[in-house]
Amino acid sequence: MEATKVGLQLDGTRTLNYSEIRVLELDAELTDLQQQEKNLEKQIQSIQSQLSTTNKEFKDQQTDLVLAPMTGVIWSIDSQPQEIIKANQPIIQLLNCQNLWVDAFINETDANQLAIGQKAEINLDNSSDVQWQGQIETVRAGTGRIEVGQYVVEPPPEIASRQLPVRVATVRIKIDRQKNPRIEDFCLAGRSVNVRFLK
């Protein structure tokens, strides 16, 4: 009798009446529901953490305004959309229109007649209206024998397509800004020009 009063089952459920058995069942169900509530709270916290991480990644994926430190033209785009970019990784190559030069590809035998500092005239499409003055900065031989893409300076396509060890020299001509007052308007990167070396 004492054990029955405190809820102990000595010989199984037949020793308890229906109301007492129902109370024990409800008690067990309540314990299960409380445990489920705790589990759901943990799941909610986990989902909220994932949501916070997803929101942060979403903000990082949004378009940002990139300001260049100078005026120029984009030469190449080094990063693709949706690509993960590391810190200090370049995304574009920007050409400074205030620092202009021309790479002239000539035969190595003709390059022997040129000298650093020699004056040159640069003409765009044989037009007398578009002409600049410059001087030779460097003369580099062996351009036709290197792999295309190995250096910034590349031989013209008609030379590279021949697959022959053509002896070509690259003459870099620095355009003189003082003698070209409207040079800030000129940034025709990659254009072909005609070069005439002055004696």
Protein backbone atom coordinates (compact mmCIF):
# COMPACT_ATOMS: atom_id res chain seq x y z
CA MET A 1 0.00 0.00 0.00
CA GLU A 2 2.84 2.42 0.88
CA ALA A 3 4.61 1.63 -2.38
CA THR A 4 1.43 2.08 -4.39
CA LYS A 5 0.81 5.51 -2.83
CA VAL A 6 4.21 6.81 -3.99
CA GLY A 7 3.65 5.39 -7.48
CA LEU A 8 5.83 2.27 -7.41
CA GLN A 9 4.70 -0.68 -9.54
CA LEU A 10 5.40 -3.92 -7.71
CA ASP A 11 3.45 -6.38 -9.84
CA GLY A 12 2.86 -4.48 -13.09
CA THR A 13 0.15 -2.17 -14.21
CA ARG A 14 -2.66 -4.41 -12.85
CA THR A 15 -1.94 -3.06 -9.35
CA LEU A 16 -2.83 0.53 -10.48
CA ASN A 17 -6.18 1.84 -11.48
CA TYR A 18 -6.83 3.48 -14.89
CA SER A 19 -6.42 7.07 -13.71
CA GLU A 20 -3.04 6.35 -12.14
CA ILE A 21 -1.86 4.51 -15.26
CA ARG A 22 -3.02 7.44 -17.41
CA VAL A 23 -1.12 9.90 -15.22
CA LEU A 24 2.07 7.85 -15.65
CA GLU A 25 1.55 7.72 -19.44
CA LEU A 26 0.99 11.46 -19.64
CA ASP A 27 4.07 12.00 -17.50
CA ALA A 28 6.17 9.92 -19.92
CA GLU A 29 4.70 11.75 -22.93
CA LEU A 30 5.45 15.09 -21.29
CA THR A 31 9.06 14.01 -20.72
CA ASP A 32 9.33 13.00 -24.40
CA LEU A 33 7.86 16.31 -25.53
CA GLN A 34 10.27 18.26 -23.32
CA GLN A 35 13.19 16.33 -24.85
CA GLN A 36 11.84 17.03 -28.35
CA GLU A 37 11.60 20.73 -27.45
CA LYS A 38 15.25 20.76 -26.44
CA ASN A 39 16.24 19.01 -29.66
CA LEU A 40 14.21 21.49 -31.72
CA GLU A 41 15.85 24.41 -29.91
CA LYS A 42 19.26 23.00 -30.87
CA GLN A 43 18.12 22.59 -34.47
CA ILE A 44 16.82 26.17 -34.54
CA GLN A 45 20.17 27.45 -33.24
CA SER A 46 22.00 25.43 -35.89
CA ILE A 47 19.71 26.72 -38.67
CA GLN A 48 20.11 30.31 -37.45
CA SER A 49 23.90 29.88 -37.49
CA GLN A 50 23.75 28.52 -41.06
CA LEU A 51 21.45 31.38 -42.06
CA SER A 52 23.87 33.92 -40.63
CA THR A 53 26.76 32.33 -42.55
CA THR A 54 24.70 32.24 -45.76
CA ASN A 55 23.74 35.92 -45.36
CA LYS A 56 27.39 36.83 -44.91
CA GLU A 57 28.39 34.89 -48.03
CA PHE A 58 25.52 36.50 -49.94
CA LYS A 59 26.71 39.98 -48.98
CA ASP A 60 30.24 39.04 -50.02
CA GLN A 61 28.94 37.86 -53.42
CA GLN A 62 27.17 41.13 -54.15
CA THR A 63 28.62 43.57 -56.67
CA ASP A 64 31.10 46.09 -55.28
CA LEU A 65 32.32 49.30 -56.83
CA VAL A 66 36.01 49.12 -57.75
CA LEU A 67 37.81 52.45 -58.06
CA ALA A 68 41.05 52.60 -60.05
CA PRO A 69 43.91 54.76 -58.77
CA MET A 70 44.39 56.26 -62.24
CA THR A 71 42.66 56.89 -65.54
CA GLY A 72 43.28 54.26 -68.18
CA VAL A 73 41.88 51.33 -70.09
CA ILE A 74 41.33 47.73 -69.04
CA TRP A 75 43.85 45.50 -70.78
CA SER A 76 42.72 42.15 -69.33
CA ILE A 77 40.29 40.75 -66.76
CA ASP A 78 42.08 38.24 -64.53
CA SER A 79 39.10 37.12 -62.41
CA GLN A 80 35.86 35.52 -63.53
CA PRO A 81 32.32 36.01 -62.15
CA GLN A 82 31.56 33.96 -59.01
CA GLU A 83 35.27 33.26 -58.56
CA ILE A 84 36.68 33.35 -55.03
CA ILE A 85 39.35 36.05 -54.89
CA LYS A 86 42.13 36.01 -52.33
CA ALA A 87 43.40 39.10 -50.58
CA ASN A 88 45.63 41.30 -52.80
CA GLN A 89 44.85 39.16 -55.85
CA PRO A 90 44.68 41.25 -59.04
CA ILE A 91 41.31 41.27 -60.77
CA ILE A 92 42.12 43.41 -63.81
CA GLN A 93 45.14 44.85 -65.59
CA LEU A 94 44.82 48.57 -66.18
CA LEU A 95 46.92 50.48 -68.68
CA ASN A 96 48.07 53.99 -67.79
CA CYS A 97 47.34 56.23 -70.77
CA GLN A 98 49.92 58.70 -69.48
CA ASN A 99 52.71 56.15 -69.96
CA LEU A 100 52.66 55.17 -73.61
CA TRP A 101 55.06 53.21 -75.77
CA VAL A 102 55.17 51.34 -79.04
CA ASP A 103 56.74 47.92 -79.61
CA ALA A 104 58.14 47.71 -83.12
CA PHE A 105 59.11 44.28 -84.49
CA ILE A 106 62.00 44.46 -86.97
CA ASN A 107 64.66 42.17 -88.40
CA GLU A 108 67.67 41.66 -86.11
CA THR A 109 70.05 42.75 -88.86
CA ASP A 110 68.23 46.09 -89.11
CA ALA A 111 68.23 46.45 -85.33
CA ASN A 112 72.03 46.75 -85.39
CA GLN A 113 71.64 50.16 -87.02
CA LEU A 114 69.48 51.50 -84.16
CA ALA A 115 70.63 53.05 -80.89
CA ILE A 116 69.06 53.79 -77.51
CA GLY A 117 67.72 57.34 -77.47
CA GLN A 118 67.30 57.52 -81.24
CA LYS A 119 64.28 59.56 -82.34
CA ALA A 120 61.28 58.02 -84.08
CA GLU A 121 58.00 59.11 -85.60
CA ILE A 122 54.86 57.06 -84.95
CA ASN A 123 52.03 57.26 -87.45
CA LEU A 124 48.56 55.76 -87.03
CA ASP A 125 47.13 54.20 -90.21
CA ASN A 126 49.30 56.39 -92.47
CA SER A 127 47.36 59.43 -91.32
CA SER A 128 49.22 62.70 -91.06
CA ASP A 129 46.63 63.90 -88.56
CA VAL A 130 47.57 61.24 -86.02
CA GLN A 131 51.32 61.34 -85.46
CA TRP A 132 53.56 61.25 -82.41
CA GLN A 133 57.22 61.68 -81.57
CA GLY A 134 59.22 59.23 -79.48
CA GLN A 135 62.63 57.75 -78.82
CA ILE A 136 64.02 54.24 -78.51
CA GLU A 137 64.15 52.92 -74.95
CA THR A 138 65.21 49.29 -75.45
CA VAL A 139 66.19 46.90 -78.23
CA ARG A 140 65.56 43.25 -77.45
CA ALA A 141 66.52 40.39 -79.74
CA GLY A 142 65.16 36.86 -79.96
CA THR A 143 61.48 37.81 -79.95
CA GLY A 144 60.58 35.37 -82.72
CA ARG A 145 62.16 32.42 -80.88
CA ILE A 146 60.34 32.63 -77.55
CA GLU A 147 57.05 30.94 -76.69
CA VAL A 148 54.05 33.13 -77.23
CA GLY A 149 52.66 34.22 -73.88
CA GLN A 150 55.93 33.76 -72.01
CA TYR A 151 56.64 37.49 -72.05
CA VAL A 152 54.53 40.60 -72.27
CA VAL A 153 56.04 41.41 -75.66
CA GLU A 154 54.86 38.98 -78.31
CA PRO A 155 55.76 38.73 -81.99
CA PRO A 156 53.15 39.69 -84.57
CA PRO A 157 50.67 36.91 -85.45
CA GLU A 158 52.06 36.53 -88.97
CA ILE A 159 55.47 35.70 -87.48
CA ALA A 160 54.17 33.38 -84.76
CA SER A 161 51.99 31.41 -87.19
CA ARG A 162 54.95 30.47 -89.38
CA GLN A 163 56.42 28.28 -86.62
CA LEU A 164 59.92 29.24 -87.79
CA PRO A 165 62.88 30.61 -85.80
CA VAL A 166 62.49 34.06 -87.36
CA ARG A 167 65.14 36.44 -86.07
CA VAL A 168 63.06 39.35 -84.91
CA ALA A 169 64.04 42.12 -82.51
CA THR A 170 61.63 44.18 -80.43
CA VAL A 171 62.30 47.91 -80.29
CA ARG A 172 60.40 49.71 -77.53
CA ILE A 173 59.76 53.37 -78.36
CA LYS A 174 58.73 55.71 -75.57
CA ILE A 175 56.25 58.34 -76.78
CA ASP A 176 57.33 61.85 -75.87
CA ARG A 177 54.51 63.55 -73.96
CA GLN A 178 55.99 67.04 -74.27
CA LYS A 179 55.85 66.88 -78.05
CA ASN A 180 52.39 65.31 -78.00
CA PRO A 181 50.14 67.77 -76.11
CA ARG A 182 46.98 65.74 -76.69
CA ILE A 183 48.47 62.44 -75.59
CA GLU A 184 45.94 62.19 -72.77
CA ASP A 185 43.32 61.57 -75.46
CA PHE A 186 45.31 58.69 -76.94
CA CYS A 187 45.12 55.25 -75.39
CA LEU A 188 44.76 52.92 -78.35
CA ALA A 189 46.14 49.84 -76.62
CA GLY A 190 46.92 47.03 -79.03
CA ARG A 191 46.59 49.16 -82.20
CA SER A 192 49.00 48.75 -85.09
CA VAL A 193 51.11 51.75 -86.11
CA ASN A 194 53.81 52.66 -88.58
CA VAL A 195 57.21 53.65 -87.18
CA ARG A 196 59.90 55.66 -88.95
CA PHE A 197 63.30 55.92 -87.26
CA LEU A 198 65.09 59.27 -87.66
CA LYS A 199 68.82 59.54 -88.24
